[in-house]
Amino acid sequence: MNDHQTYAYFYARDFKCSPESISKILDIEPTHFWCEGEPWGPNNVRKRKENFWSYRTLECSDDYYTNVHFKELLELLESRKEKLTHLSSEARIGITYVPTCYYPNMAVILQKELLQRIVTLGLALNFDIYSLASSDE
C-alpha cells in the first residue's frame, strides 16, 4: 500500500453557460462536470448549487512533495492563456491540489516558479488535504 496519493485539477465554476461551452472555449474535454440543479448525494436528495467543470491530472504516489500535477496543468493552461482570460470574466477559475496521506500531518511544497505561473494566469489556488488514519489500524 502507498502511504500517499496526489492529484490536482483545474476548475471553472459558477458560470451561466453549459459545461459543453467551457469545453469549447478551452478546447479540453473535462474529467468531471455537473449542472446547477442536478441531484446528487445519497439517494439524490441534494441539488447542485452551481455549474462546475474540471480537468483532473492522474493520481500518483511517486513523490510526496510533488509538483508534477501543477506542471502538467500549467503547460496545458498556458497554451490557452487568452482563452483563460476570457473565461475568467465568465466563471471562477483555479487549481485545486488534493493530497491524501496516512500520517498525522503532511506538508505541501510548491516551487516558487510554479506559484508565479499560477498567479500570472490569474488562477485561484486551493488545497483539499486529507490526513487519514493509518490503513494498518
N, C-alpha and C. Protein backbone atom coordinates (compact mmCIF):
# COMPACT_ATOMS: atom_id res chain seq x y z
N MET A 1 0.82 -1.18 0.00
CA MET A 1 0.00 0.00 0.00
C MET A 1 0.87 1.25 0.00
N ASN A 2 0.52 2.24 -0.81
CA ASN A 2 1.24 3.51 -0.81
C ASN A 2 0.81 4.33 0.39
N ASP A 3 1.72 5.17 0.88
CA ASP A 3 1.38 5.98 2.04
C ASP A 3 0.76 7.32 1.66
N HIS A 4 0.65 7.60 0.39
CA HIS A 4 0.04 8.85 -0.03
C HIS A 4 -0.38 8.76 -1.50
N GLN A 5 -1.30 9.62 -1.86
CA GLN A 5 -1.71 9.78 -3.26
C GLN A 5 -1.93 11.28 -3.47
N THR A 6 -1.65 11.74 -4.68
CA THR A 6 -1.86 13.14 -5.01
C THR A 6 -2.45 13.28 -6.40
N TYR A 7 -3.22 14.33 -6.59
CA TYR A 7 -3.67 14.75 -7.91
C TYR A 7 -4.06 16.21 -7.81
N ALA A 8 -4.33 16.82 -8.93
CA ALA A 8 -4.78 18.21 -8.96
C ALA A 8 -5.79 18.34 -10.09
N TYR A 9 -6.58 19.41 -10.02
CA TYR A 9 -7.48 19.67 -11.12
C TYR A 9 -7.67 21.17 -11.34
N PHE A 10 -7.85 21.51 -12.60
CA PHE A 10 -8.24 22.86 -12.98
C PHE A 10 -9.76 22.87 -12.98
N TYR A 11 -10.35 23.96 -12.51
CA TYR A 11 -11.80 24.04 -12.49
C TYR A 11 -12.30 25.39 -12.98
N ALA A 12 -13.53 25.34 -13.48
CA ALA A 12 -14.33 26.54 -13.75
C ALA A 12 -15.65 26.28 -13.03
N ARG A 13 -16.12 27.28 -12.28
CA ARG A 13 -17.36 27.09 -11.53
C ARG A 13 -18.15 28.38 -11.53
N ASP A 14 -19.41 28.25 -11.19
CA ASP A 14 -20.30 29.41 -11.06
C ASP A 14 -20.43 30.17 -12.39
N PHE A 15 -20.54 29.43 -13.48
CA PHE A 15 -20.73 30.04 -14.80
C PHE A 15 -22.17 29.82 -15.24
N LYS A 16 -22.65 30.63 -16.15
CA LYS A 16 -24.05 30.56 -16.59
C LYS A 16 -24.25 29.74 -17.86
N CYS A 17 -23.19 29.55 -18.63
CA CYS A 17 -23.31 28.78 -19.87
C CYS A 17 -23.29 27.29 -19.55
N SER A 18 -23.36 26.45 -20.56
CA SER A 18 -23.32 25.00 -20.36
C SER A 18 -21.87 24.53 -20.16
N PRO A 19 -21.67 23.40 -19.50
CA PRO A 19 -20.33 22.84 -19.40
C PRO A 19 -19.71 22.56 -20.77
N GLU A 20 -20.53 22.22 -21.74
CA GLU A 20 -20.02 22.00 -23.10
C GLU A 20 -19.40 23.27 -23.67
N SER A 21 -19.95 24.42 -23.31
CA SER A 21 -19.40 25.69 -23.77
C SER A 21 -18.01 25.92 -23.19
N ILE A 22 -17.81 25.53 -21.95
CA ILE A 22 -16.48 25.66 -21.32
C ILE A 22 -15.50 24.76 -22.07
N SER A 23 -15.91 23.55 -22.41
CA SER A 23 -15.05 22.63 -23.17
C SER A 23 -14.67 23.25 -24.51
N LYS A 24 -15.63 23.88 -25.17
CA LYS A 24 -15.37 24.53 -26.46
C LYS A 24 -14.40 25.69 -26.32
N ILE A 25 -14.62 26.53 -25.31
CA ILE A 25 -13.75 27.69 -25.09
C ILE A 25 -12.31 27.25 -24.89
N LEU A 26 -12.11 26.23 -24.04
CA LEU A 26 -10.75 25.79 -23.69
C LEU A 26 -10.19 24.74 -24.63
N ASP A 27 -11.04 24.12 -25.44
CA ASP A 27 -10.62 23.02 -26.30
C ASP A 27 -10.01 21.88 -25.47
N ILE A 28 -10.70 21.57 -24.36
CA ILE A 28 -10.30 20.49 -23.45
C ILE A 28 -11.57 19.74 -23.06
N GLU A 29 -11.49 18.42 -23.05
CA GLU A 29 -12.61 17.62 -22.56
C GLU A 29 -12.49 17.50 -21.04
N PRO A 30 -13.57 17.72 -20.31
CA PRO A 30 -13.49 17.67 -18.85
C PRO A 30 -13.38 16.25 -18.32
N THR A 31 -12.84 16.15 -17.13
CA THR A 31 -12.83 14.90 -16.40
C THR A 31 -14.15 14.73 -15.67
N HIS A 32 -14.66 15.87 -15.12
CA HIS A 32 -15.94 15.89 -14.41
C HIS A 32 -16.67 17.18 -14.75
N PHE A 33 -17.98 17.13 -14.72
CA PHE A 33 -18.77 18.34 -14.82
C PHE A 33 -20.17 18.05 -14.29
N TRP A 34 -20.86 19.10 -13.87
CA TRP A 34 -22.26 18.99 -13.50
C TRP A 34 -22.93 20.33 -13.70
N CYS A 35 -24.24 20.29 -13.69
CA CYS A 35 -25.05 21.49 -13.91
C CYS A 35 -25.85 21.83 -12.66
N GLU A 36 -26.07 23.10 -12.49
CA GLU A 36 -26.89 23.59 -11.39
C GLU A 36 -28.24 22.88 -11.41
N GLY A 37 -28.69 22.46 -10.23
CA GLY A 37 -29.98 21.81 -10.11
C GLY A 37 -29.95 20.30 -10.23
N GLU A 38 -28.84 19.72 -10.72
CA GLU A 38 -28.75 18.26 -10.82
C GLU A 38 -28.77 17.63 -9.43
N PRO A 39 -29.48 16.51 -9.29
CA PRO A 39 -29.49 15.82 -8.00
C PRO A 39 -28.15 15.12 -7.75
N TRP A 40 -27.78 15.02 -6.46
CA TRP A 40 -26.56 14.31 -6.08
C TRP A 40 -26.64 13.92 -4.61
N GLY A 41 -25.65 13.16 -4.17
CA GLY A 41 -25.60 12.72 -2.78
C GLY A 41 -26.38 11.44 -2.57
N PRO A 42 -26.42 10.98 -1.31
CA PRO A 42 -27.18 9.76 -1.01
C PRO A 42 -28.64 9.90 -1.44
N ASN A 43 -29.10 8.96 -2.20
CA ASN A 43 -30.48 8.94 -2.70
C ASN A 43 -30.83 10.17 -3.56
N ASN A 44 -29.81 10.85 -4.05
CA ASN A 44 -30.01 12.03 -4.92
C ASN A 44 -30.96 13.06 -4.32
N VAL A 45 -30.86 13.29 -3.02
CA VAL A 45 -31.78 14.23 -2.37
C VAL A 45 -31.26 15.67 -2.38
N ARG A 46 -29.98 15.87 -2.67
CA ARG A 46 -29.43 17.23 -2.72
C ARG A 46 -29.40 17.71 -4.17
N LYS A 47 -29.36 19.01 -4.35
CA LYS A 47 -29.29 19.62 -5.69
C LYS A 47 -28.00 20.43 -5.80
N ARG A 48 -27.34 20.31 -6.93
CA ARG A 48 -26.13 21.10 -7.19
C ARG A 48 -26.49 22.58 -7.18
N LYS A 49 -25.64 23.40 -6.57
CA LYS A 49 -25.94 24.82 -6.42
C LYS A 49 -25.34 25.68 -7.52
N GLU A 50 -24.45 25.11 -8.33
CA GLU A 50 -23.82 25.88 -9.40
C GLU A 50 -23.31 24.94 -10.49
N ASN A 51 -23.03 25.49 -11.64
CA ASN A 51 -22.38 24.73 -12.71
C ASN A 51 -20.91 24.55 -12.35
N PHE A 52 -20.37 23.40 -12.75
CA PHE A 52 -18.98 23.06 -12.42
C PHE A 52 -18.38 22.26 -13.56
N TRP A 53 -17.10 22.55 -13.86
CA TRP A 53 -16.37 21.86 -14.92
C TRP A 53 -14.95 21.68 -14.42
N SER A 54 -14.35 20.48 -14.61
CA SER A 54 -12.96 20.30 -14.17
C SER A 54 -12.21 19.33 -15.08
N TYR A 55 -10.89 19.54 -15.08
CA TYR A 55 -9.96 18.65 -15.76
C TYR A 55 -8.93 18.21 -14.72
N ARG A 56 -8.84 16.90 -14.50
CA ARG A 56 -8.02 16.34 -13.43
C ARG A 56 -6.78 15.63 -13.97
N THR A 57 -5.67 15.77 -13.23
CA THR A 57 -4.46 15.01 -13.54
C THR A 57 -4.64 13.59 -13.04
N LEU A 58 -3.78 12.69 -13.49
CA LEU A 58 -3.82 11.32 -13.00
C LEU A 58 -3.28 11.28 -11.57
N GLU A 59 -3.83 10.39 -10.76
CA GLU A 59 -3.35 10.23 -9.39
C GLU A 59 -1.99 9.57 -9.42
N CYS A 60 -1.10 10.00 -8.54
CA CYS A 60 0.21 9.35 -8.45
C CYS A 60 0.69 9.33 -7.02
N SER A 61 1.69 8.51 -6.77
CA SER A 61 2.28 8.43 -5.44
C SER A 61 3.79 8.38 -5.54
N ASP A 62 4.35 8.93 -6.61
CA ASP A 62 5.79 8.86 -6.85
C ASP A 62 6.61 9.76 -5.93
N ASP A 63 6.06 10.91 -5.53
CA ASP A 63 6.84 11.90 -4.81
C ASP A 63 5.94 12.63 -3.83
N TYR A 64 6.24 12.48 -2.54
CA TYR A 64 5.39 13.09 -1.52
C TYR A 64 5.28 14.60 -1.70
N TYR A 65 6.35 15.25 -2.12
CA TYR A 65 6.35 16.70 -2.31
C TYR A 65 6.25 17.03 -3.80
N THR A 66 5.33 16.42 -4.47
CA THR A 66 5.26 16.50 -5.91
C THR A 66 4.79 17.86 -6.41
N ASN A 67 5.37 18.29 -7.50
CA ASN A 67 4.91 19.46 -8.23
C ASN A 67 4.50 19.05 -9.64
N VAL A 68 4.53 17.74 -9.90
CA VAL A 68 4.25 17.23 -11.24
C VAL A 68 2.84 17.61 -11.70
N HIS A 69 1.87 17.62 -10.82
CA HIS A 69 0.50 17.95 -11.19
C HIS A 69 0.38 19.40 -11.63
N PHE A 70 1.03 20.29 -10.90
CA PHE A 70 1.00 21.70 -11.27
C PHE A 70 1.65 21.92 -12.63
N LYS A 71 2.78 21.26 -12.85
CA LYS A 71 3.48 21.39 -14.13
C LYS A 71 2.59 20.93 -15.28
N GLU A 72 1.93 19.79 -15.10
CA GLU A 72 1.05 19.26 -16.15
C GLU A 72 -0.07 20.24 -16.46
N LEU A 73 -0.75 20.72 -15.43
CA LEU A 73 -1.87 21.64 -15.65
C LEU A 73 -1.40 22.96 -16.24
N LEU A 74 -0.29 23.50 -15.73
CA LEU A 74 0.18 24.80 -16.22
C LEU A 74 0.61 24.74 -17.68
N GLU A 75 1.26 23.66 -18.09
CA GLU A 75 1.62 23.53 -19.50
C GLU A 75 0.38 23.54 -20.38
N LEU A 76 -0.65 22.85 -19.95
CA LEU A 76 -1.90 22.81 -20.69
C LEU A 76 -2.57 24.19 -20.71
N LEU A 77 -2.64 24.84 -19.57
CA LEU A 77 -3.37 26.10 -19.45
C LEU A 77 -2.62 27.28 -20.06
N GLU A 78 -1.31 27.29 -19.95
CA GLU A 78 -0.54 28.41 -20.53
C GLU A 78 -0.68 28.47 -22.04
N SER A 79 -0.90 27.35 -22.66
CA SER A 79 -1.11 27.34 -24.12
C SER A 79 -2.49 27.89 -24.48
N ARG A 80 -3.29 28.15 -23.47
CA ARG A 80 -4.65 28.67 -23.67
C ARG A 80 -4.86 29.96 -22.86
N LYS A 81 -3.80 30.72 -22.67
CA LYS A 81 -3.84 31.90 -21.81
C LYS A 81 -4.93 32.90 -22.21
N GLU A 82 -5.05 33.19 -23.49
CA GLU A 82 -6.09 34.14 -23.94
C GLU A 82 -7.49 33.61 -23.67
N LYS A 83 -7.68 32.32 -23.86
CA LYS A 83 -8.98 31.71 -23.58
C LYS A 83 -9.29 31.77 -22.09
N LEU A 84 -8.28 31.59 -21.25
CA LEU A 84 -8.47 31.68 -19.81
C LEU A 84 -8.87 33.09 -19.39
N THR A 85 -8.26 34.09 -20.01
CA THR A 85 -8.59 35.48 -19.71
C THR A 85 -10.06 35.73 -20.00
N HIS A 86 -10.54 35.24 -21.13
CA HIS A 86 -11.96 35.38 -21.47
C HIS A 86 -12.83 34.61 -20.48
N LEU A 87 -12.42 33.41 -20.16
CA LEU A 87 -13.20 32.56 -19.26
C LEU A 87 -13.28 33.15 -17.85
N SER A 88 -12.22 33.82 -17.40
CA SER A 88 -12.21 34.36 -16.04
C SER A 88 -13.26 35.45 -15.84
N SER A 89 -13.75 36.04 -16.93
CA SER A 89 -14.83 37.03 -16.79
C SER A 89 -16.20 36.35 -16.72
N GLU A 90 -16.24 35.07 -17.06
CA GLU A 90 -17.49 34.31 -17.07
C GLU A 90 -17.63 33.33 -15.90
N ALA A 91 -16.51 32.99 -15.26
CA ALA A 91 -16.51 31.92 -14.24
C ALA A 91 -15.40 32.16 -13.22
N ARG A 92 -15.53 31.52 -12.09
CA ARG A 92 -14.42 31.46 -11.14
C ARG A 92 -13.54 30.30 -11.58
N ILE A 93 -12.24 30.55 -11.73
CA ILE A 93 -11.34 29.52 -12.21
C ILE A 93 -10.15 29.36 -11.26
N GLY A 94 -9.61 28.15 -11.22
CA GLY A 94 -8.46 27.91 -10.36
C GLY A 94 -7.97 26.49 -10.45
N ILE A 95 -7.01 26.20 -9.59
CA ILE A 95 -6.43 24.87 -9.46
C ILE A 95 -6.62 24.41 -8.02
N THR A 96 -7.03 23.17 -7.86
CA THR A 96 -7.12 22.55 -6.54
C THR A 96 -6.16 21.37 -6.51
N TYR A 97 -5.33 21.34 -5.48
CA TYR A 97 -4.37 20.26 -5.27
C TYR A 97 -4.91 19.36 -4.15
N VAL A 98 -4.92 18.04 -4.39
CA VAL A 98 -5.52 17.10 -3.44
C VAL A 98 -4.50 16.03 -3.05
N PRO A 99 -3.87 16.20 -1.88
CA PRO A 99 -3.02 15.12 -1.35
C PRO A 99 -3.78 14.32 -0.28
N THR A 100 -3.56 13.02 -0.27
CA THR A 100 -4.10 12.14 0.75
C THR A 100 -2.93 11.41 1.38
N CYS A 101 -2.89 11.41 2.70
CA CYS A 101 -1.74 10.85 3.40
C CYS A 101 -2.20 10.06 4.62
N TYR A 102 -1.48 9.00 4.96
CA TYR A 102 -1.78 8.19 6.14
C TYR A 102 -0.80 8.50 7.27
N TYR A 103 -0.52 9.75 7.46
CA TYR A 103 0.32 10.24 8.55
C TYR A 103 -0.49 11.27 9.33
N PRO A 104 -0.06 11.61 10.54
CA PRO A 104 -0.82 12.61 11.30
C PRO A 104 -0.70 14.02 10.72
N ASN A 105 0.28 14.27 9.89
CA ASN A 105 0.40 15.59 9.26
C ASN A 105 1.11 15.44 7.92
N MET A 106 1.07 16.50 7.15
CA MET A 106 1.74 16.49 5.85
C MET A 106 2.11 17.91 5.49
N ALA A 107 2.97 18.03 4.52
CA ALA A 107 3.37 19.35 4.02
C ALA A 107 3.14 19.39 2.52
N VAL A 108 2.86 20.56 2.02
CA VAL A 108 2.76 20.78 0.58
C VAL A 108 3.81 21.83 0.24
N ILE A 109 4.75 21.47 -0.61
CA ILE A 109 5.81 22.38 -1.01
C ILE A 109 5.62 22.70 -2.48
N LEU A 110 5.33 23.95 -2.76
CA LEU A 110 5.10 24.40 -4.13
C LEU A 110 6.27 25.26 -4.57
N GLN A 111 6.90 24.89 -5.67
CA GLN A 111 8.03 25.65 -6.18
C GLN A 111 7.61 27.08 -6.51
N LYS A 112 8.49 28.03 -6.19
CA LYS A 112 8.24 29.45 -6.42
C LYS A 112 7.87 29.73 -7.88
N GLU A 113 8.57 29.11 -8.78
CA GLU A 113 8.33 29.31 -10.22
C GLU A 113 6.91 28.88 -10.60
N LEU A 114 6.44 27.78 -10.01
CA LEU A 114 5.09 27.31 -10.32
C LEU A 114 4.04 28.24 -9.74
N LEU A 115 4.28 28.74 -8.54
CA LEU A 115 3.36 29.69 -7.93
C LEU A 115 3.25 30.96 -8.78
N GLN A 116 4.37 31.44 -9.30
CA GLN A 116 4.35 32.62 -10.17
C GLN A 116 3.54 32.37 -11.44
N ARG A 117 3.69 31.20 -12.00
CA ARG A 117 2.92 30.87 -13.21
C ARG A 117 1.42 30.83 -12.93
N ILE A 118 1.04 30.31 -11.76
CA ILE A 118 -0.37 30.28 -11.36
C ILE A 118 -0.91 31.70 -11.23
N VAL A 119 -0.15 32.56 -10.57
CA VAL A 119 -0.55 33.96 -10.38
C VAL A 119 -0.66 34.66 -11.73
N THR A 120 0.29 34.44 -12.62
CA THR A 120 0.28 35.08 -13.94
C THR A 120 -0.98 34.71 -14.72
N LEU A 121 -1.47 33.51 -14.56
CA LEU A 121 -2.70 33.08 -15.24
C LEU A 121 -3.97 33.57 -14.54
N GLY A 122 -3.80 34.19 -13.38
CA GLY A 122 -4.96 34.71 -12.65
C GLY A 122 -5.82 33.63 -12.03
N LEU A 123 -5.20 32.52 -11.62
CA LEU A 123 -5.94 31.39 -11.08
C LEU A 123 -5.95 31.41 -9.56
N ALA A 124 -7.07 31.00 -8.97
CA ALA A 124 -7.12 30.75 -7.54
C ALA A 124 -6.36 29.45 -7.28
N LEU A 125 -5.85 29.30 -6.07
CA LEU A 125 -5.14 28.09 -5.69
C LEU A 125 -5.76 27.55 -4.40
N ASN A 126 -6.21 26.31 -4.45
CA ASN A 126 -6.87 25.67 -3.32
C ASN A 126 -6.14 24.38 -2.96
N PHE A 127 -6.20 24.03 -1.68
CA PHE A 127 -5.64 22.78 -1.20
C PHE A 127 -6.75 22.02 -0.47
N ASP A 128 -7.01 20.80 -0.91
CA ASP A 128 -8.02 19.94 -0.32
C ASP A 128 -7.27 18.75 0.28
N ILE A 129 -6.83 18.88 1.52
CA ILE A 129 -5.88 17.95 2.14
C ILE A 129 -6.60 16.92 3.00
N TYR A 130 -6.25 15.66 2.81
CA TYR A 130 -6.82 14.56 3.58
C TYR A 130 -5.71 13.85 4.34
N SER A 131 -5.71 13.96 5.66
CA SER A 131 -4.79 13.22 6.50
C SER A 131 -5.62 12.14 7.19
N LEU A 132 -5.42 10.90 6.78
CA LEU A 132 -6.26 9.80 7.23
C LEU A 132 -5.57 8.96 8.30
N ALA A 133 -6.35 8.21 9.02
CA ALA A 133 -5.79 7.27 9.99
C ALA A 133 -5.00 6.21 9.25
N SER A 134 -4.09 5.60 9.90
CA SER A 134 -3.26 4.55 9.30
C SER A 134 -4.14 3.44 8.73
N SER A 135 -3.79 2.95 7.56
CA SER A 135 -4.55 1.85 6.97
C SER A 135 -4.27 0.53 7.68
N ASP A 136 -3.24 0.51 8.54
CA ASP A 136 -2.89 -0.69 9.29
C ASP A 136 -3.74 -0.88 10.52
N GLU A 137 -4.48 0.17 10.92
CA GLU A 137 -5.27 0.09 12.15
C GLU A 137 -6.60 -0.57 11.92
